[in-house]
Protein backbone atom coordinates (compact mmCIF):
# COMPACT_ATOMS: atom_id res chain seq x y z
CA MET A 1 0.75 -12.21 -4.76
CA ALA A 2 -0.40 -9.13 -2.85
CA TYR A 3 1.76 -6.18 -1.93
CA VAL A 4 2.50 -5.39 1.72
CA ILE A 5 3.38 -2.17 3.52
CA SER A 6 6.32 -2.32 5.92
CA ASP A 7 6.86 -0.43 9.17
CA GLU A 8 8.81 2.14 7.13
CA CYS A 9 5.43 3.63 6.13
CA ILE A 10 5.13 7.33 7.02
CA ALA A 11 1.30 7.34 6.56
CA CYS A 12 1.35 9.99 3.84
CA GLY A 13 -1.67 8.46 2.05
CA ALA A 14 -0.24 8.60 -1.48
CA CYS A 15 -0.71 4.85 -1.92
CA GLN A 16 -4.34 4.89 -0.83
CA ALA A 17 -5.22 7.53 -3.41
CA GLU A 18 -3.46 5.54 -6.16
CA CYS A 19 -5.06 2.13 -5.53
CA PRO A 20 -7.60 1.38 -8.27
CA VAL A 21 -9.45 -1.27 -6.22
CA GLU A 22 -9.46 0.56 -2.86
CA ALA A 23 -7.49 -2.21 -1.16
CA ILE A 24 -5.51 0.20 1.03
CA SER A 25 -6.80 1.58 4.31
CA GLU A 26 -5.34 3.60 7.14
CA GLY A 27 -4.23 1.39 9.99
CA ASP A 28 -2.57 1.94 13.33
CA GLY A 29 0.20 4.43 12.49
CA LYS A 30 0.62 3.14 8.94
CA PHE A 31 -1.46 2.05 5.98
CA ALA A 32 -2.38 -1.58 5.25
CA ILE A 33 -3.26 -3.51 2.10
CA ASP A 34 -6.10 -6.02 2.10
CA PRO A 35 -4.57 -9.07 0.35
CA ASP A 36 -8.01 -10.29 -0.75
CA LEU A 37 -8.64 -7.07 -2.69
CA CYS A 38 -5.10 -6.38 -3.98
CA THR A 39 -4.73 -7.14 -7.70
CA ASP A 40 -0.91 -6.95 -7.66
CA CYS A 41 -0.83 -3.97 -10.04
CA GLY A 42 2.02 -2.20 -8.21
CA SER A 43 0.54 1.29 -8.53
CA CYS A 44 0.92 1.87 -4.81
CA ALA A 45 4.59 0.86 -4.77
CA GLU A 46 5.34 3.27 -7.62
CA VAL A 47 4.12 6.29 -5.65
CA CYS A 48 5.53 5.36 -2.22
CA ALA A 49 8.01 8.08 -1.22
CA VAL A 50 9.89 5.84 1.23
CA GLU A 51 9.71 2.54 -0.70
CA ALA A 52 7.72 0.90 2.11
CA ILE A 53 5.58 -1.18 -0.29
CA GLN A 54 6.92 -4.44 -1.66
CA PRO A 55 5.49 -7.66 -3.14
CA GLU A 56 4.72 -10.16 -0.39
């Protein structure tokens, strides 16, 4: 189960830097997680300042 980033994302980039498999990229006004690359480790959710990242 991949993680997803909600519209609460403030595009700070903390999650992208934390992702060990580079599954996170900057999207249109927020970041997005590629579900095919996500390994469900949760590292991104742990560093999200606004709790915008949750399991799908």
